[in-house]
């Protein structure tokens, strides 16, 4: 009985995270996009646990894909940010050097 309650809490909390991610991306635009990616990842993961427990395999598969997409998006964003910072550091002039 305690396990069922925990799984239900995971499902509801995960749903709340996904709805929150959608709400902040809709209302605030790009301002909180970074947070929305993480909310989608963790929300989808918690919903996937819930779906697996209840043998709701189509929803489970959808939420696993949701998590994969969120993970790839986070990775791509971090990679682009690293590349952008690296490019800017090359372009900065070093003090004491003659150009």
Foldseek 3Di string as FASTA:
>chain_A
DVVLVVLVVLLVQLVVLQVVLVVCCVPVPPPCPLVSLVSQQSSLVSNLSSCVVVVVVVSNVVSVVSNVVSVVVNVVVVVVVVVVVVVVVVVDDDPPDDD
